[in-house]
Amino acid sequence: FTEAVEIERKFVLSSIPKGLPKLKIKQGYLQSDKNRTVRIRSIINQSNKATYYITIKGPSNSSGMSRFEYESIISNDDAEKLFDLCYLPLIIKNRYIYMYDGMKWELDSFCGDNKGLLIGEVEIVNENIDFEKPEFVIKEVTGNSKYYNSMLQKNPYNNW
């Protein structure tokens, strides 16, 4: 397989613009520590079609922006069996895609034990790129591990 590096920045949001298409995401963790995370995810689109993924991520670099990522589509049956092995609670969130200043933002509104948390992520081509941020961005939390989804599973937002 090809090695991929994910470079992204993460932000806390005050709101999510109305009228954006919504994806429903459920994800669970088979392993999550500082050296690797193994995640199972289902994404249900607006046509109610589900796609299932297994994702393996390596440790973040010193800036918290870059890390190795491998992702592959898996069957519904495999995903359901693997969800049964995941740590609880599962992460449930709605994702909205927002184009701003030529960049694709993924805006997440968390549910369940993380209800009320709004996070925006943008993938970038290199760590030094400068870009405009939408007006609803409150603060950057890139590299702050308490905002990692794997940490939200262990210490949900509503416990803070």
C-alpha atoms as a PDB file:
ATOM      1  CA  PHE A   1       0.000   0.000   0.000  1.00  0.00           C
ATOM      2  CA  THR A   2       1.071   3.591  -0.396  1.00  0.00           C
ATOM      3  CA  GLU A   3       2.103   5.574   2.610  1.00  0.00           C
ATOM      4  CA  ALA A   4      -0.029   8.647   3.116  1.00  0.00           C
ATOM      5  CA  VAL A   5       0.586  11.590   5.385  1.00  0.00           C
ATOM      6  CA  GLU A   6      -2.365  13.536   6.677  1.00  0.00           C
ATOM      7  CA  ILE A   7      -1.691  17.212   7.401  1.00  0.00           C
ATOM      8  CA  GLU A   8      -4.622  18.930   9.070  1.00  0.00           C
ATOM      9  CA  ARG A   9      -5.472  21.749  11.410  1.00  0.00           C
ATOM     10  CA  LYS A  10      -8.309  21.631  13.920  1.00  0.00           C
ATOM     11  CA  PHE A  11     -10.455  24.446  15.345  1.00  0.00           C
ATOM     12  CA  VAL A  12     -13.276  24.940  17.855  1.00  0.00           C
ATOM     13  CA  LEU A  13     -16.309  26.560  16.218  1.00  0.00           C
ATOM     14  CA  SER A  14     -19.049  28.838  17.542  1.00  0.00           C
ATOM     15  CA  SER A  15     -21.618  27.535  15.045  1.00  0.00           C
ATOM     16  CA  ILE A  16     -22.072  25.635  11.793  1.00  0.00           C
ATOM     17  CA  PRO A  17     -23.709  27.415   8.840  1.00  0.00           C
ATOM     18  CA  LYS A  18     -27.274  26.327   8.107  1.00  0.00           C
ATOM     19  CA  GLY A  19     -28.288  24.434   4.981  1.00  0.00           C
ATOM     20  CA  LEU A  20     -25.127  22.373   4.429  1.00  0.00           C
ATOM     21  CA  PRO A  21     -25.417  18.711   3.365  1.00  0.00           C
ATOM     22  CA  LYS A  22     -25.127  16.349   6.356  1.00  0.00           C
ATOM     23  CA  LEU A  23     -23.257  13.069   6.745  1.00  0.00           C
ATOM     24  CA  LYS A  24     -23.949  10.868   9.780  1.00  0.00           C
ATOM     25  CA  ILE A  25     -20.787   9.366  11.243  1.00  0.00           C
ATOM     26  CA  LYS A  26     -20.364   6.601  13.804  1.00  0.00           C
ATOM     27  CA  GLN A  27     -16.864   5.610  14.796  1.00  0.00           C
ATOM     28  CA  GLY A  28     -15.213   3.404  17.327  1.00  0.00           C
ATOM     29  CA  TYR A  29     -11.676   2.628  18.378  1.00  0.00           C
ATOM     30  CA  LEU A  30     -10.062  -0.797  18.520  1.00  0.00           C
ATOM     31  CA  GLN A  31      -6.846   0.775  19.759  1.00  0.00           C
ATOM     32  CA  SER A  32      -5.913   4.309  20.694  1.00  0.00           C
ATOM     33  CA  ASP A  33      -2.624   5.309  22.217  1.00  0.00           C
ATOM     34  CA  LYS A  34       0.008   7.920  21.413  1.00  0.00           C
ATOM     35  CA  ASN A  35       1.721   5.669  18.866  1.00  0.00           C
ATOM     36  CA  ARG A  36      -1.277   4.473  16.866  1.00  0.00           C
ATOM     37  CA  THR A  37      -5.024   4.517  16.576  1.00  0.00           C
ATOM     38  CA  VAL A  38      -7.144   1.922  14.799  1.00  0.00           C
ATOM     39  CA  ARG A  39     -10.609   3.210  14.003  1.00  0.00           C
ATOM     40  CA  ILE A  40     -13.768   1.744  12.463  1.00  0.00           C
ATOM     41  CA  ARG A  41     -16.141   4.263  10.894  1.00  0.00           C
ATOM     42  CA  SER A  42     -19.494   4.275   9.131  1.00  0.00           C
ATOM     43  CA  ILE A  43     -20.569   7.258   7.059  1.00  0.00           C
ATOM     44  CA  ILE A  44     -24.197   7.544   6.011  1.00  0.00           C
ATOM     45  CA  ASN A  45     -24.784  10.024   3.207  1.00  0.00           C
ATOM     46  CA  GLN A  46     -27.921  12.029   2.389  1.00  0.00           C
ATOM     47  CA  SER A  47     -29.245   9.138   0.261  1.00  0.00           C
ATOM     48  CA  ASN A  48     -29.007   6.915   3.372  1.00  0.00           C
ATOM     49  CA  LYS A  49     -26.176   4.880   1.789  1.00  0.00           C
ATOM     50  CA  ALA A  50     -23.549   3.689   4.263  1.00  0.00           C
ATOM     51  CA  THR A  51     -19.838   3.218   3.603  1.00  0.00           C
ATOM     52  CA  TYR A  52     -17.557   1.544   6.158  1.00  0.00           C
ATOM     53  CA  TYR A  53     -13.853   2.155   6.739  1.00  0.00           C
ATOM     54  CA  ILE A  54     -10.939   0.940   8.802  1.00  0.00           C
ATOM     55  CA  THR A  55      -8.320   3.609   9.462  1.00  0.00           C
ATOM     56  CA  ILE A  56      -4.895   3.293  11.058  1.00  0.00           C
ATOM     57  CA  LYS A  57      -3.114   6.469  12.149  1.00  0.00           C
ATOM     58  CA  GLY A  58       0.414   6.803  13.433  1.00  0.00           C
ATOM     59  CA  PRO A  59       1.715   9.260  16.031  1.00  0.00           C
ATOM     60  CA  SER A  60       1.466  12.997  15.372  1.00  0.00           C
ATOM     61  CA  ASN A  61       4.632  14.952  14.699  1.00  0.00           C
ATOM     62  CA  SER A  62       5.830  17.657  17.116  1.00  0.00           C
ATOM     63  CA  SER A  63       3.462  20.311  15.685  1.00  0.00           C
ATOM     64  CA  GLY A  64       0.471  17.978  15.955  1.00  0.00           C
ATOM     65  CA  MET A  65      -0.392  18.651  12.308  1.00  0.00           C
ATOM     66  CA  SER A  66       1.060  15.645  10.442  1.00  0.00           C
ATOM     67  CA  ARG A  67       0.890  11.891  10.822  1.00  0.00           C
ATOM     68  CA  PHE A  68       0.785   8.689   8.821  1.00  0.00           C
ATOM     69  CA  GLU A  69      -2.715   7.555   7.841  1.00  0.00           C
ATOM     70  CA  TYR A  70      -3.924   4.394   6.106  1.00  0.00           C
ATOM     71  CA  GLU A  71      -7.612   3.948   5.266  1.00  0.00           C
ATOM     72  CA  SER A  72      -9.515   1.200   3.475  1.00  0.00           C
ATOM     73  CA  ILE A  73     -13.170   0.466   2.753  1.00  0.00           C
ATOM     74  CA  ILE A  74     -14.499  -2.664   4.471  1.00  0.00           C
ATOM     75  CA  SER A  75     -17.786  -4.588   4.265  1.00  0.00           C
ATOM     76  CA  ASN A  76     -20.837  -3.817   6.383  1.00  0.00           C
ATOM     77  CA  ASP A  77     -20.556  -7.268   8.036  1.00  0.00           C
ATOM     78  CA  ASP A  78     -16.896  -6.753   8.935  1.00  0.00           C
ATOM     79  CA  ALA A  79     -17.616  -3.255  10.254  1.00  0.00           C
ATOM     80  CA  GLU A  80     -20.469  -4.435  12.477  1.00  0.00           C
ATOM     81  CA  LYS A  81     -18.313  -7.222  13.943  1.00  0.00           C
ATOM     82  CA  LEU A  82     -15.471  -4.772  14.570  1.00  0.00           C
ATOM     83  CA  PHE A  83     -17.800  -2.171  16.141  1.00  0.00           C
ATOM     84  CA  ASP A  84     -18.658  -4.855  18.723  1.00  0.00           C
ATOM     85  CA  LEU A  85     -14.960  -4.934  19.718  1.00  0.00           C
ATOM     86  CA  CYS A  86     -14.579  -1.143  20.039  1.00  0.00           C
ATOM     87  CA  TYR A  87     -14.191   0.775  23.265  1.00  0.00           C
ATOM     88  CA  LEU A  88     -17.400   2.471  24.419  1.00  0.00           C
ATOM     89  CA  PRO A  89     -18.904   4.953  24.036  1.00  0.00           C
ATOM     90  CA  LEU A  90     -18.761   5.179  20.263  1.00  0.00           C
ATOM     91  CA  ILE A  91     -18.286   8.633  18.758  1.00  0.00           C
ATOM     92  CA  ILE A  92     -21.426   9.858  16.985  1.00  0.00           C
ATOM     93  CA  LYS A  93     -21.372  13.091  15.005  1.00  0.00           C
ATOM     94  CA  ASN A  94     -22.855  14.918  12.057  1.00  0.00           C
ATOM     95  CA  ARG A  95     -20.386  16.190   9.471  1.00  0.00           C
ATOM     96  CA  TYR A  96     -20.942  19.100   7.146  1.00  0.00           C
ATOM     97  CA  ILE A  97     -18.703  20.020   4.209  1.00  0.00           C
ATOM     98  CA  TYR A  98     -18.051  23.749   3.891  1.00  0.00           C
ATOM     99  CA  MET A  99     -16.028  25.382   1.114  1.00  0.00           C
ATOM    100  CA  TYR A 100     -14.304  28.582   2.195  1.00  0.00           C
ATOM    101  CA  ASP A 101     -11.670  30.589   0.343  1.00  0.00           C
ATOM    102  CA  GLY A 102     -11.006  27.614  -1.966  1.00  0.00           C
ATOM    103  CA  MET A 103     -10.476  25.154   0.900  1.00  0.00           C
ATOM    104  CA  LYS A 104     -12.654  22.247   2.025  1.00  0.00           C
ATOM    105  CA  TRP A 105     -13.575  22.351   5.722  1.00  0.00           C
ATOM    106  CA  GLU A 106     -15.111  19.382   7.536  1.00  0.00           C
ATOM    107  CA  LEU A 107     -17.371  20.721  10.291  1.00  0.00           C
ATOM    108  CA  ASP A 108     -18.403  18.245  12.991  1.00  0.00           C
ATOM    109  CA  SER A 109     -21.307  18.582  15.411  1.00  0.00           C
ATOM    110  CA  PHE A 110     -20.903  15.919  18.088  1.00  0.00           C
ATOM    111  CA  CYS A 111     -23.764  13.964  19.688  1.00  0.00           C
ATOM    112  CA  GLY A 112     -24.151  11.850  22.825  1.00  0.00           C
ATOM    113  CA  ASP A 113     -21.536  12.436  25.532  1.00  0.00           C
ATOM    114  CA  ASN A 114     -19.826  15.025  23.307  1.00  0.00           C
ATOM    115  CA  LYS A 115     -23.003  16.987  22.478  1.00  0.00           C
ATOM    116  CA  GLY A 116     -22.346  20.698  22.150  1.00  0.00           C
ATOM    117  CA  LEU A 117     -18.817  20.349  20.801  1.00  0.00           C
ATOM    118  CA  LEU A 118     -18.325  21.840  17.339  1.00  0.00           C
ATOM    119  CA  ILE A 119     -15.002  21.154  15.599  1.00  0.00           C
ATOM    120  CA  GLY A 120     -13.756  22.193  12.167  1.00  0.00           C
ATOM    121  CA  GLU A 121     -10.850  20.547  10.384  1.00  0.00           C
ATOM    122  CA  VAL A 122      -9.076  21.528   7.209  1.00  0.00           C
ATOM    123  CA  GLU A 123      -6.522  19.361   5.415  1.00  0.00           C
ATOM    124  CA  ILE A 124      -3.580  21.289   4.017  1.00  0.00           C
ATOM    125  CA  VAL A 125      -0.784  20.428   1.584  1.00  0.00           C
ATOM    126  CA  ASN A 126       2.037  21.523   3.898  1.00  0.00           C
ATOM    127  CA  GLU A 127       2.337  22.771   7.460  1.00  0.00           C
ATOM    128  CA  ASN A 128       3.456  26.276   6.504  1.00  0.00           C
ATOM    129  CA  ILE A 129       0.487  27.225   4.333  1.00  0.00           C
ATOM    130  CA  ASP A 130      -1.429  30.320   5.421  1.00  0.00           C
ATOM    131  CA  PHE A 131      -5.188  30.460   4.873  1.00  0.00           C
ATOM    132  CA  GLU A 132      -8.272  32.454   5.771  1.00  0.00           C
ATOM    133  CA  LYS A 133     -10.507  31.118   8.518  1.00  0.00           C
ATOM    134  CA  PRO A 134     -14.303  31.434   8.521  1.00  0.00           C
ATOM    135  CA  GLU A 135     -15.845  33.898  10.988  1.00  0.00           C
ATOM    136  CA  PHE A 136     -17.300  31.080  13.114  1.00  0.00           C
ATOM    137  CA  VAL A 137     -13.814  29.775  14.083  1.00  0.00           C
ATOM    138  CA  ILE A 138     -13.189  30.488  17.798  1.00  0.00           C
ATOM    139  CA  LYS A 139      -9.719  29.055  18.405  1.00  0.00           C
ATOM    140  CA  GLU A 140      -7.196  26.611  17.011  1.00  0.00           C
ATOM    141  CA  VAL A 141      -6.725  23.320  18.885  1.00  0.00           C
ATOM    142  CA  THR A 142      -4.348  21.541  16.477  1.00  0.00           C
ATOM    143  CA  GLY A 143      -2.098  19.248  18.496  1.00  0.00           C
ATOM    144  CA  ASN A 144      -4.257  19.534  21.646  1.00  0.00           C
ATOM    145  CA  SER A 145      -4.897  15.845  22.291  1.00  0.00           C
ATOM    146  CA  LYS A 146      -8.047  16.397  24.379  1.00  0.00           C
ATOM    147  CA  TYR A 147      -9.825  17.320  21.112  1.00  0.00           C
ATOM    148  CA  TYR A 148      -8.748  14.146  19.277  1.00  0.00           C
ATOM    149  CA  ASN A 149     -11.757  11.931  18.584  1.00  0.00           C
ATOM    150  CA  SER A 150      -9.938   9.016  20.241  1.00  0.00           C
ATOM    151  CA  MET A 151      -9.589  11.114  23.416  1.00  0.00           C
ATOM    152  CA  LEU A 152     -13.220  12.293  23.236  1.00  0.00           C
ATOM    153  CA  GLN A 153     -14.115   8.600  23.447  1.00  0.00           C
ATOM    154  CA  LYS A 154     -12.112   8.276  26.697  1.00  0.00           C
ATOM    155  CA  ASN A 155     -12.930  11.684  28.205  1.00  0.00           C
ATOM    156  CA  PRO A 156     -16.090  13.084  26.567  1.00  0.00           C
ATOM    157  CA  TYR A 157     -16.676  16.821  26.228  1.00  0.00           C
ATOM    158  CA  ASN A 158     -19.587  16.752  28.707  1.00  0.00           C
ATOM    159  CA  ASN A 159     -17.147  15.603  31.453  1.00  0.00           C
ATOM    160  CA  TRP A 160     -14.837  18.632  31.065  1.00  0.00           C
END
